[in-house]
Amino acid sequence: MWKTAKNKEPTSNRRCFSIVHQYIQRFNEVSGSKSAVIRIKSMTPGVMITQYVINIPEGKSTPDFESTPVPENIKEGNMAIFKVVVKGDPKPEVSWRRAKGPVTDKKKFHSKYDESTGEHILEIVKVSGAETDTYKCYAANEYGKAVCKTTLTVIEASNHPSDFRKLLRRRQDNINDSKISC
């Protein structure tokens, strides 16, 4: 596990990481490379940040999530909505992916940005059991990327308790009807 050491120099723009990171940073400086892959834990739970460069210019930052999507349990046929708020300079590009398949079907998946709230939104129209999955949101800029994930569980109509009651009533009515006709 990587640990971040506290930097006692307030004027320094350089983060001081574990001895391994310091070695990699020194190697990159000597070799002239300015790239790295440094994993940083976000202040927002469930978010992992990957930093691509060693030194980030003052005023710039890696992407991060201010809010993450809430897991959804949605009845089949309804709309699922995931919302995130991201930060970073330059402004990160946001994309959505899922574990079991693509989110490229324009009729099923709508990705949009709400300027008034600053939210990036993924809408899944008329969900079915096929959309039950783990969804990941990626925010990326030239200094790194941030990733968070959530789940969508689709409750099939036949598994809903009120549907069982209706089914039992129909069955009881059919039984009663068959007794009358005999």
N, C-alpha and C. Protein backbone atom coordinates (compact mmCIF):
# COMPACT_ATOMS: atom_id res chain seq x y z
N MET A 1 0.85 -1.18 0.00
CA MET A 1 0.00 0.00 0.00
C MET A 1 0.89 1.24 0.00
N TRP A 2 0.56 2.20 -0.84
CA TRP A 2 1.33 3.42 -0.94
C TRP A 2 0.88 4.40 0.13
N LYS A 3 1.84 5.07 0.73
CA LYS A 3 1.51 6.06 1.74
C LYS A 3 2.10 7.40 1.32
N THR A 4 1.37 8.46 1.60
CA THR A 4 1.82 9.80 1.29
C THR A 4 2.44 10.40 2.52
N ALA A 5 3.66 10.89 2.38
CA ALA A 5 4.31 11.57 3.50
C ALA A 5 3.92 13.04 3.49
N LYS A 6 3.88 13.64 4.66
CA LYS A 6 3.52 15.07 4.72
C LYS A 6 4.72 15.90 4.29
N ASN A 7 4.46 16.86 3.42
CA ASN A 7 5.50 17.74 2.92
C ASN A 7 5.58 18.96 3.82
N LYS A 8 6.74 19.18 4.41
CA LYS A 8 6.89 20.29 5.36
C LYS A 8 7.23 21.59 4.66
N GLU A 9 7.51 21.55 3.36
CA GLU A 9 7.83 22.77 2.63
C GLU A 9 6.57 23.32 1.99
N PRO A 10 5.98 24.40 2.54
CA PRO A 10 4.72 24.90 1.99
C PRO A 10 4.86 25.50 0.60
N THR A 11 6.03 25.94 0.21
CA THR A 11 6.21 26.56 -1.10
C THR A 11 6.43 25.54 -2.20
N SER A 12 6.72 24.30 -1.83
CA SER A 12 6.98 23.28 -2.83
C SER A 12 5.68 22.79 -3.44
N ASN A 13 5.68 22.61 -4.76
CA ASN A 13 4.51 22.10 -5.48
C ASN A 13 4.64 20.60 -5.69
N ARG A 14 5.62 19.98 -5.09
CA ARG A 14 5.94 18.58 -5.31
C ARG A 14 5.40 17.73 -4.16
N ARG A 15 4.69 16.66 -4.50
CA ARG A 15 4.21 15.74 -3.49
C ARG A 15 5.31 14.75 -3.16
N CYS A 16 5.42 14.40 -1.92
CA CYS A 16 6.44 13.46 -1.49
C CYS A 16 5.77 12.15 -1.11
N PHE A 17 6.02 11.08 -1.88
CA PHE A 17 5.38 9.80 -1.68
C PHE A 17 6.33 8.85 -0.98
N SER A 18 5.99 7.62 -0.92
CA SER A 18 6.81 6.59 -0.30
C SER A 18 8.18 6.53 -0.97
N ILE A 19 9.07 5.77 -0.40
CA ILE A 19 10.44 5.66 -0.92
C ILE A 19 10.43 5.12 -2.36
N VAL A 20 9.50 4.23 -2.67
CA VAL A 20 9.42 3.69 -4.04
C VAL A 20 9.03 4.80 -5.01
N HIS A 21 8.02 5.60 -4.65
CA HIS A 21 7.63 6.72 -5.51
C HIS A 21 8.76 7.73 -5.65
N GLN A 22 9.49 7.99 -4.57
CA GLN A 22 10.61 8.92 -4.63
C GLN A 22 11.68 8.39 -5.59
N TYR A 23 11.93 7.08 -5.54
CA TYR A 23 12.90 6.48 -6.44
C TYR A 23 12.44 6.61 -7.89
N ILE A 24 11.18 6.31 -8.16
CA ILE A 24 10.64 6.42 -9.52
C ILE A 24 10.70 7.88 -9.99
N GLN A 25 10.35 8.79 -9.09
CA GLN A 25 10.39 10.20 -9.44
C GLN A 25 11.82 10.63 -9.77
N ARG A 26 12.78 10.22 -8.98
CA ARG A 26 14.19 10.57 -9.23
C ARG A 26 14.67 9.96 -10.54
N PHE A 27 14.30 8.70 -10.81
CA PHE A 27 14.67 8.03 -12.06
C PHE A 27 14.10 8.79 -13.25
N ASN A 28 12.83 9.18 -13.15
CA ASN A 28 12.20 9.92 -14.24
C ASN A 28 12.85 11.28 -14.45
N GLU A 29 13.24 11.95 -13.37
CA GLU A 29 13.90 13.25 -13.51
C GLU A 29 15.25 13.10 -14.19
N VAL A 30 16.01 12.07 -13.81
CA VAL A 30 17.33 11.83 -14.40
C VAL A 30 17.19 11.43 -15.86
N SER A 31 16.21 10.59 -16.16
CA SER A 31 16.05 10.11 -17.53
C SER A 31 15.32 11.11 -18.42
N GLY A 32 14.75 12.14 -17.83
CA GLY A 32 14.05 13.15 -18.61
C GLY A 32 12.57 12.87 -18.80
N SER A 33 12.09 11.76 -18.24
CA SER A 33 10.68 11.41 -18.38
C SER A 33 9.85 12.23 -17.39
N LYS A 34 8.72 12.72 -17.84
CA LYS A 34 7.84 13.50 -16.98
C LYS A 34 6.54 12.76 -16.66
N SER A 35 6.49 11.49 -17.05
CA SER A 35 5.25 10.74 -16.83
C SER A 35 5.41 9.76 -15.67
N ALA A 36 4.29 9.37 -15.12
CA ALA A 36 4.26 8.43 -14.02
C ALA A 36 2.87 7.83 -13.94
N VAL A 37 2.73 6.83 -13.14
CA VAL A 37 1.41 6.30 -12.82
C VAL A 37 1.38 6.19 -11.30
N ILE A 38 0.73 7.15 -10.69
CA ILE A 38 0.67 7.22 -9.24
C ILE A 38 -0.78 7.11 -8.82
N ARG A 39 -1.08 6.15 -7.95
CA ARG A 39 -2.44 5.98 -7.45
C ARG A 39 -2.63 6.84 -6.21
N ILE A 40 -3.72 7.60 -6.22
CA ILE A 40 -4.03 8.51 -5.12
C ILE A 40 -5.45 8.20 -4.65
N LYS A 41 -5.65 8.15 -3.35
CA LYS A 41 -6.99 7.94 -2.82
C LYS A 41 -7.67 9.29 -2.68
N SER A 42 -8.88 9.35 -3.17
CA SER A 42 -9.67 10.57 -3.12
C SER A 42 -10.22 10.79 -1.72
N MET A 43 -10.60 12.03 -1.45
CA MET A 43 -11.30 12.34 -0.20
C MET A 43 -12.74 11.85 -0.26
N THR A 44 -13.25 11.60 -1.46
CA THR A 44 -14.59 11.07 -1.65
C THR A 44 -14.52 9.55 -1.59
N PRO A 45 -15.26 8.91 -0.69
CA PRO A 45 -15.19 7.45 -0.58
C PRO A 45 -15.57 6.76 -1.89
N GLY A 46 -14.81 5.68 -2.20
CA GLY A 46 -15.11 4.89 -3.39
C GLY A 46 -14.50 5.40 -4.67
N VAL A 47 -13.67 6.44 -4.60
CA VAL A 47 -13.06 7.02 -5.80
C VAL A 47 -11.56 6.73 -5.79
N MET A 48 -11.05 6.27 -6.93
CA MET A 48 -9.62 6.05 -7.09
C MET A 48 -9.11 6.98 -8.17
N ILE A 49 -8.02 7.68 -7.88
CA ILE A 49 -7.41 8.62 -8.82
C ILE A 49 -6.07 8.07 -9.27
N THR A 50 -5.81 8.16 -10.57
CA THR A 50 -4.52 7.81 -11.13
C THR A 50 -3.92 9.08 -11.70
N GLN A 51 -2.75 9.45 -11.18
CA GLN A 51 -2.05 10.65 -11.64
C GLN A 51 -1.05 10.24 -12.71
N TYR A 52 -1.04 10.93 -13.86
CA TYR A 52 -0.20 10.57 -15.00
C TYR A 52 1.15 11.28 -15.01
N VAL A 53 1.26 12.41 -14.36
CA VAL A 53 2.50 13.19 -14.40
C VAL A 53 3.04 13.35 -12.99
N ILE A 54 4.34 13.57 -12.90
CA ILE A 54 4.97 13.71 -11.59
C ILE A 54 4.64 15.06 -10.97
N ASN A 55 4.89 16.11 -11.71
CA ASN A 55 4.65 17.46 -11.20
C ASN A 55 3.48 18.09 -11.94
N ILE A 56 2.48 18.47 -11.19
CA ILE A 56 1.32 19.14 -11.77
C ILE A 56 1.52 20.63 -11.58
N PRO A 57 1.37 21.41 -12.66
CA PRO A 57 1.55 22.86 -12.54
C PRO A 57 0.60 23.48 -11.51
N GLU A 58 1.05 24.55 -10.92
CA GLU A 58 0.24 25.24 -9.92
C GLU A 58 -1.09 25.69 -10.53
N GLY A 59 -2.17 25.46 -9.81
CA GLY A 59 -3.50 25.82 -10.28
C GLY A 59 -4.17 24.74 -11.10
N LYS A 60 -3.45 23.70 -11.48
CA LYS A 60 -4.00 22.58 -12.24
C LYS A 60 -4.19 21.40 -11.29
N SER A 61 -5.02 20.42 -11.70
CA SER A 61 -5.25 19.27 -10.83
C SER A 61 -5.72 18.06 -11.61
N THR A 62 -5.59 16.91 -10.97
CA THR A 62 -6.16 15.69 -11.52
C THR A 62 -7.67 15.73 -11.31
N PRO A 63 -8.42 14.96 -12.06
CA PRO A 63 -9.87 14.91 -11.84
C PRO A 63 -10.20 14.25 -10.50
N ASP A 64 -11.35 14.59 -9.97
CA ASP A 64 -11.85 13.98 -8.75
C ASP A 64 -13.37 14.12 -8.75
N PHE A 65 -14.03 13.31 -7.98
CA PHE A 65 -15.48 13.36 -7.87
C PHE A 65 -15.88 14.09 -6.60
N GLU A 66 -16.76 15.07 -6.74
CA GLU A 66 -17.35 15.73 -5.58
C GLU A 66 -18.52 14.92 -5.06
N SER A 67 -19.23 14.25 -5.96
CA SER A 67 -20.30 13.33 -5.57
C SER A 67 -20.29 12.14 -6.51
N THR A 68 -20.67 11.00 -5.98
CA THR A 68 -20.66 9.76 -6.75
C THR A 68 -22.09 9.25 -6.93
N PRO A 69 -22.30 8.37 -7.91
CA PRO A 69 -23.67 7.86 -8.14
C PRO A 69 -24.13 6.93 -7.03
N VAL A 70 -25.42 6.97 -6.78
CA VAL A 70 -26.04 6.13 -5.76
C VAL A 70 -26.50 4.83 -6.41
N PRO A 71 -26.25 3.67 -5.77
CA PRO A 71 -26.75 2.41 -6.33
C PRO A 71 -28.28 2.46 -6.47
N GLU A 72 -28.78 1.87 -7.55
CA GLU A 72 -30.22 1.92 -7.84
C GLU A 72 -30.83 0.52 -7.86
N ASN A 73 -32.00 0.40 -7.26
CA ASN A 73 -32.85 -0.79 -7.36
C ASN A 73 -34.12 -0.32 -8.05
N ILE A 74 -34.28 -0.66 -9.32
CA ILE A 74 -35.35 -0.13 -10.14
C ILE A 74 -36.24 -1.26 -10.65
N LYS A 75 -37.55 -1.02 -10.63
CA LYS A 75 -38.49 -1.98 -11.18
C LYS A 75 -38.37 -1.98 -12.70
N GLU A 76 -38.46 -3.14 -13.28
CA GLU A 76 -38.37 -3.33 -14.72
C GLU A 76 -39.34 -2.39 -15.45
N GLY A 77 -38.82 -1.74 -16.50
CA GLY A 77 -39.64 -0.83 -17.30
C GLY A 77 -39.48 0.63 -16.92
N ASN A 78 -38.94 0.91 -15.75
CA ASN A 78 -38.73 2.30 -15.31
C ASN A 78 -37.39 2.83 -15.80
N MET A 79 -37.11 4.09 -15.49
CA MET A 79 -35.86 4.73 -15.89
C MET A 79 -34.89 4.76 -14.70
N ALA A 80 -33.64 4.40 -14.95
CA ALA A 80 -32.58 4.51 -13.94
C ALA A 80 -31.77 5.76 -14.24
N ILE A 81 -31.39 6.50 -13.19
CA ILE A 81 -30.62 7.72 -13.37
C ILE A 81 -29.44 7.72 -12.41
N PHE A 82 -28.24 7.90 -12.97
CA PHE A 82 -27.02 8.04 -12.18
C PHE A 82 -26.48 9.45 -12.39
N LYS A 83 -26.07 10.11 -11.29
CA LYS A 83 -25.55 11.47 -11.37
C LYS A 83 -24.22 11.57 -10.63
N VAL A 84 -23.29 12.33 -11.22
CA VAL A 84 -22.01 12.61 -10.57
C VAL A 84 -21.66 14.08 -10.77
N VAL A 85 -20.84 14.60 -9.87
CA VAL A 85 -20.27 15.94 -10.02
C VAL A 85 -18.76 15.76 -9.96
N VAL A 86 -18.05 16.28 -10.97
CA VAL A 86 -16.61 16.14 -11.04
C VAL A 86 -15.94 17.50 -10.95
N LYS A 87 -14.67 17.46 -10.55
CA LYS A 87 -13.86 18.67 -10.52
C LYS A 87 -12.49 18.34 -11.08
N GLY A 88 -11.76 19.36 -11.43
CA GLY A 88 -10.41 19.21 -11.97
C GLY A 88 -10.12 20.34 -12.93
N ASP A 89 -8.84 20.65 -13.09
CA ASP A 89 -8.43 21.71 -14.00
C ASP A 89 -7.25 21.20 -14.82
N PRO A 90 -7.39 21.06 -16.12
CA PRO A 90 -8.52 21.43 -16.96
C PRO A 90 -9.73 20.54 -16.71
N LYS A 91 -10.90 21.04 -17.14
CA LYS A 91 -12.16 20.35 -16.90
C LYS A 91 -12.09 18.93 -17.46
N PRO A 92 -12.40 17.94 -16.64
CA PRO A 92 -12.31 16.54 -17.09
C PRO A 92 -13.41 16.14 -18.08
N GLU A 93 -13.07 15.24 -18.97
CA GLU A 93 -14.03 14.60 -19.85
C GLU A 93 -14.64 13.44 -19.06
N VAL A 94 -15.95 13.28 -19.13
CA VAL A 94 -16.63 12.23 -18.36
C VAL A 94 -17.20 11.19 -19.31
N SER A 95 -17.01 9.92 -18.97
CA SER A 95 -17.58 8.83 -19.77
C SER A 95 -18.09 7.74 -18.82
N TRP A 96 -19.02 6.94 -19.33
CA TRP A 96 -19.63 5.86 -18.57
C TRP A 96 -19.35 4.54 -19.25
N ARG A 97 -19.14 3.49 -18.45
CA ARG A 97 -18.96 2.13 -18.97
C ARG A 97 -19.66 1.16 -18.03
N ARG A 98 -19.86 -0.04 -18.51
CA ARG A 98 -20.44 -1.07 -17.66
C ARG A 98 -19.64 -2.35 -17.80
N ALA A 99 -19.77 -3.25 -16.84
CA ALA A 99 -18.96 -4.47 -16.83
C ALA A 99 -19.37 -5.47 -17.90
N LYS A 100 -20.67 -5.63 -18.14
CA LYS A 100 -21.15 -6.70 -19.02
C LYS A 100 -21.45 -6.29 -20.45
N GLY A 101 -21.33 -5.04 -20.79
CA GLY A 101 -21.66 -4.66 -22.15
C GLY A 101 -21.45 -3.18 -22.38
N PRO A 102 -21.69 -2.74 -23.61
CA PRO A 102 -21.47 -1.32 -23.93
C PRO A 102 -22.65 -0.44 -23.49
N VAL A 103 -22.39 0.85 -23.43
CA VAL A 103 -23.44 1.85 -23.16
C VAL A 103 -23.58 2.75 -24.39
N THR A 104 -23.45 2.13 -25.57
CA THR A 104 -23.46 2.91 -26.81
C THR A 104 -24.83 2.96 -27.49
N ASP A 105 -25.79 2.15 -27.04
CA ASP A 105 -27.12 2.15 -27.63
C ASP A 105 -27.82 3.47 -27.28
N LYS A 106 -27.94 4.36 -28.26
CA LYS A 106 -28.51 5.71 -28.05
C LYS A 106 -29.98 5.67 -27.63
N LYS A 107 -30.70 4.61 -27.98
CA LYS A 107 -32.10 4.49 -27.58
C LYS A 107 -32.24 4.11 -26.12
N LYS A 108 -31.25 3.41 -25.58
CA LYS A 108 -31.30 2.89 -24.22
C LYS A 108 -30.55 3.77 -23.22
N PHE A 109 -29.36 4.27 -23.60
CA PHE A 109 -28.48 5.02 -22.69
C PHE A 109 -28.34 6.46 -23.15
N HIS A 110 -28.66 7.40 -22.27
CA HIS A 110 -28.51 8.83 -22.57
C HIS A 110 -27.53 9.43 -21.58
N SER A 111 -26.43 9.97 -22.09
CA SER A 111 -25.44 10.63 -21.26
C SER A 111 -25.52 12.13 -21.53
N LYS A 112 -25.66 12.92 -20.47
CA LYS A 112 -25.79 14.37 -20.67
C LYS A 112 -25.17 15.13 -19.51
N TYR A 113 -25.05 16.44 -19.69
CA TYR A 113 -24.47 17.32 -18.69
C TYR A 113 -25.47 18.43 -18.38
N ASP A 114 -25.74 18.65 -17.08
CA ASP A 114 -26.65 19.70 -16.65
C ASP A 114 -25.81 20.88 -16.15
N GLU A 115 -25.74 21.95 -16.94
CA GLU A 115 -24.91 23.10 -16.59
C GLU A 115 -25.37 23.79 -15.31
N SER A 116 -26.68 23.81 -15.05
CA SER A 116 -27.18 24.52 -13.86
C SER A 116 -26.74 23.85 -12.56
N THR A 117 -26.60 22.52 -12.55
CA THR A 117 -26.20 21.81 -11.33
C THR A 117 -24.76 21.30 -11.39
N GLY A 118 -24.17 21.28 -12.59
CA GLY A 118 -22.82 20.75 -12.75
C GLY A 118 -22.78 19.23 -12.73
N GLU A 119 -23.94 18.59 -12.95
CA GLU A 119 -24.02 17.14 -12.88
C GLU A 119 -23.87 16.49 -14.25
N HIS A 120 -23.11 15.41 -14.27
CA HIS A 120 -23.03 14.54 -15.43
C HIS A 120 -24.01 13.41 -15.15
N ILE A 121 -24.91 13.14 -16.09
CA ILE A 121 -26.03 12.24 -15.84
C ILE A 121 -26.03 11.11 -16.87
N LEU A 122 -26.26 9.89 -16.37
CA LEU A 122 -26.50 8.75 -17.25
C LEU A 122 -27.91 8.27 -16.98
N GLU A 123 -28.75 8.30 -18.04
CA GLU A 123 -30.12 7.81 -17.95
C GLU A 123 -30.22 6.51 -18.73
N ILE A 124 -30.87 5.52 -18.12
CA ILE A 124 -31.09 4.24 -18.78
C ILE A 124 -32.60 4.08 -18.89
N VAL A 125 -33.09 4.11 -20.12
CA VAL A 125 -34.52 4.12 -20.40
C VAL A 125 -35.09 2.70 -20.38
N LYS A 126 -36.27 2.55 -19.80
CA LYS A 126 -37.00 1.28 -19.76
C LYS A 126 -36.07 0.11 -19.44
N VAL A 127 -35.54 0.11 -18.21
CA VAL A 127 -34.58 -0.91 -17.81
C VAL A 127 -35.20 -2.30 -17.84
N SER A 128 -34.36 -3.27 -18.13
CA SER A 128 -34.74 -4.68 -18.11
C SER A 128 -33.65 -5.42 -17.34
N GLY A 129 -33.85 -6.69 -17.14
CA GLY A 129 -32.86 -7.50 -16.44
C GLY A 129 -31.49 -7.46 -17.09
N ALA A 130 -31.43 -7.20 -18.40
CA ALA A 130 -30.16 -7.15 -19.12
C ALA A 130 -29.29 -5.97 -18.66
N GLU A 131 -29.90 -4.95 -18.09
CA GLU A 131 -29.13 -3.78 -17.63
C GLU A 131 -28.63 -3.91 -16.19
N THR A 132 -29.01 -4.98 -15.48
CA THR A 132 -28.46 -5.22 -14.14
C THR A 132 -26.97 -5.40 -14.30
N ASP A 133 -26.18 -4.52 -13.67
CA ASP A 133 -24.74 -4.51 -13.91
C ASP A 133 -24.04 -3.56 -12.95
N THR A 134 -22.72 -3.57 -13.01
CA THR A 134 -21.90 -2.57 -12.33
C THR A 134 -21.53 -1.52 -13.36
N TYR A 135 -21.78 -0.26 -13.03
CA TYR A 135 -21.49 0.85 -13.93
C TYR A 135 -20.34 1.67 -13.35
N LYS A 136 -19.41 2.07 -14.22
CA LYS A 136 -18.29 2.90 -13.80
C LYS A 136 -18.34 4.23 -14.51
N CYS A 137 -17.98 5.28 -13.78
CA CYS A 137 -17.88 6.61 -14.35
C CYS A 137 -16.42 7.01 -14.33
N TYR A 138 -15.91 7.48 -15.47
CA TYR A 138 -14.52 7.89 -15.62
C TYR A 138 -14.48 9.39 -15.89
N ALA A 139 -13.61 10.08 -15.17
CA ALA A 139 -13.36 11.50 -15.41
C ALA A 139 -11.86 11.60 -15.69
N ALA A 140 -11.49 12.18 -16.85
CA ALA A 140 -10.08 12.20 -17.24
C ALA A 140 -9.69 13.56 -17.81
N ASN A 141 -8.47 13.98 -17.48
CA ASN A 141 -7.85 15.13 -18.12
C ASN A 141 -6.38 14.78 -18.35
N GLU A 142 -5.58 15.74 -18.79
CA GLU A 142 -4.18 15.44 -19.14
C GLU A 142 -3.31 15.06 -17.95
N TYR A 143 -3.77 15.32 -16.72
CA TYR A 143 -2.97 15.03 -15.53
C TYR A 143 -3.35 13.72 -14.85
N GLY A 144 -4.50 13.15 -15.22
CA GLY A 144 -4.88 11.88 -14.61
C GLY A 144 -6.32 11.52 -14.88
N LYS A 145 -6.77 10.49 -14.16
CA LYS A 145 -8.16 10.08 -14.28
C LYS A 145 -8.68 9.66 -12.90
N ALA A 146 -9.98 9.76 -12.74
CA ALA A 146 -10.65 9.33 -11.52
C ALA A 146 -11.76 8.37 -11.92
N VAL A 147 -11.98 7.36 -11.10
CA VAL A 147 -12.98 6.35 -11.40
C VAL A 147 -13.82 6.08 -10.15
N CYS A 148 -15.14 5.99 -10.36
CA CYS A 148 -16.03 5.53 -9.29
C CYS A 148 -17.00 4.55 -9.91
N LYS A 149 -17.63 3.74 -9.08
CA LYS A 149 -18.57 2.76 -9.62
C LYS A 149 -19.83 2.69 -8.77
N THR A 150 -20.87 2.15 -9.39
CA THR A 150 -22.15 1.95 -8.74
C THR A 150 -22.81 0.74 -9.35
N THR A 151 -23.94 0.35 -8.80
CA THR A 151 -24.64 -0.83 -9.32
C THR A 151 -26.09 -0.49 -9.67
N LEU A 152 -26.58 -1.21 -10.63
CA LEU A 152 -27.99 -1.14 -11.01
C LEU A 152 -28.56 -2.55 -10.86
N THR A 153 -29.60 -2.66 -10.04
CA THR A 153 -30.31 -3.91 -9.87
C THR A 153 -31.73 -3.70 -10.38
N VAL A 154 -32.11 -4.50 -11.37
CA VAL A 154 -33.45 -4.40 -11.95
C VAL A 154 -34.33 -5.47 -11.32
N ILE A 155 -35.42 -5.02 -10.74
CA ILE A 155 -36.37 -5.92 -10.11
C ILE A 155 -37.40 -6.31 -11.15
N GLU A 156 -37.44 -7.58 -11.47
CA GLU A 156 -38.37 -8.05 -12.50
C GLU A 156 -39.79 -7.99 -11.96
N ALA A 157 -40.73 -7.67 -12.82
CA ALA A 157 -42.12 -7.50 -12.42
C ALA A 157 -42.68 -8.76 -11.79
N SER A 158 -42.29 -9.94 -12.25
CA SER A 158 -42.83 -11.19 -11.72
C SER A 158 -42.30 -11.49 -10.32
N ASN A 159 -41.22 -10.86 -9.91
CA ASN A 159 -40.66 -11.08 -8.58
C ASN A 159 -41.21 -10.13 -7.54
N HIS A 160 -42.05 -9.21 -7.94
CA HIS A 160 -42.57 -8.21 -7.01
C HIS A 160 -43.72 -8.82 -6.20
N PRO A 161 -43.75 -8.66 -4.86
CA PRO A 161 -44.78 -9.28 -4.02
C PRO A 161 -46.22 -8.95 -4.45
N SER A 162 -46.49 -7.73 -4.89
CA SER A 162 -47.86 -7.40 -5.29
C SER A 162 -48.26 -8.19 -6.53
N ASP A 163 -47.31 -8.51 -7.41
CA ASP A 163 -47.61 -9.33 -8.58
C ASP A 163 -47.97 -10.76 -8.16
N PHE A 164 -47.34 -11.28 -7.10
CA PHE A 164 -47.67 -12.61 -6.61
C PHE A 164 -49.10 -12.63 -6.08
N ARG A 165 -49.49 -11.57 -5.38
CA ARG A 165 -50.86 -11.50 -4.86
C ARG A 165 -51.87 -11.52 -6.01
N LYS A 166 -51.58 -10.74 -7.06
CA LYS A 166 -52.48 -10.72 -8.22
C LYS A 166 -52.55 -12.10 -8.86
N LEU A 167 -51.39 -12.75 -8.98
CA LEU A 167 -51.33 -14.07 -9.59
C LEU A 167 -52.13 -15.08 -8.76
N LEU A 168 -52.01 -15.02 -7.44
CA LEU A 168 -52.75 -15.92 -6.57
C LEU A 168 -54.25 -15.67 -6.65
N ARG A 169 -54.65 -14.39 -6.72
CA ARG A 169 -56.07 -14.07 -6.86
C ARG A 169 -56.64 -14.64 -8.15
N ARG A 170 -55.91 -14.46 -9.24
CA ARG A 170 -56.37 -14.99 -10.53
C ARG A 170 -56.49 -16.50 -10.47
N ARG A 171 -55.51 -17.14 -9.84
CA ARG A 171 -55.52 -18.60 -9.73
C ARG A 171 -56.72 -19.05 -8.90
N GLN A 172 -56.97 -18.37 -7.78
CA GLN A 172 -58.10 -18.71 -6.91
C GLN A 172 -59.41 -18.49 -7.66
N ASP A 173 -59.50 -17.39 -8.43
CA ASP A 173 -60.71 -17.14 -9.22
C ASP A 173 -60.92 -18.24 -10.26
N ASN A 174 -59.86 -18.68 -10.89
CA ASN A 174 -59.95 -19.76 -11.89
C ASN A 174 -60.39 -21.07 -11.25
N ILE A 175 -59.89 -21.35 -10.05
CA ILE A 175 -60.28 -22.56 -9.34
C ILE A 175 -61.76 -22.50 -9.00
N ASN A 176 -62.22 -21.35 -8.49
CA ASN A 176 -63.62 -21.18 -8.13
C ASN A 176 -64.52 -21.29 -9.37
N ASP A 177 -64.09 -20.71 -10.49
CA ASP A 177 -64.86 -20.79 -11.73
C ASP A 177 -65.00 -22.24 -12.21
N SER A 178 -63.92 -23.00 -12.09
CA SER A 178 -63.96 -24.39 -12.56
C SER A 178 -64.87 -25.23 -11.66
N LYS A 179 -64.97 -24.91 -10.36
CA LYS A 179 -65.87 -25.64 -9.45
C LYS A 179 -67.34 -25.33 -9.79
N ILE A 180 -67.62 -24.10 -10.17
CA ILE A 180 -68.99 -23.70 -10.48
C ILE A 180 -69.47 -24.39 -11.75
N SER A 181 -68.59 -24.51 -12.75
CA SER A 181 -69.01 -25.07 -14.04
C SER A 181 -69.20 -26.59 -13.99
N CYS A 182 -68.77 -27.24 -12.95
CA CYS A 182 -68.91 -28.71 -12.87
C CYS A 182 -70.30 -29.14 -12.53
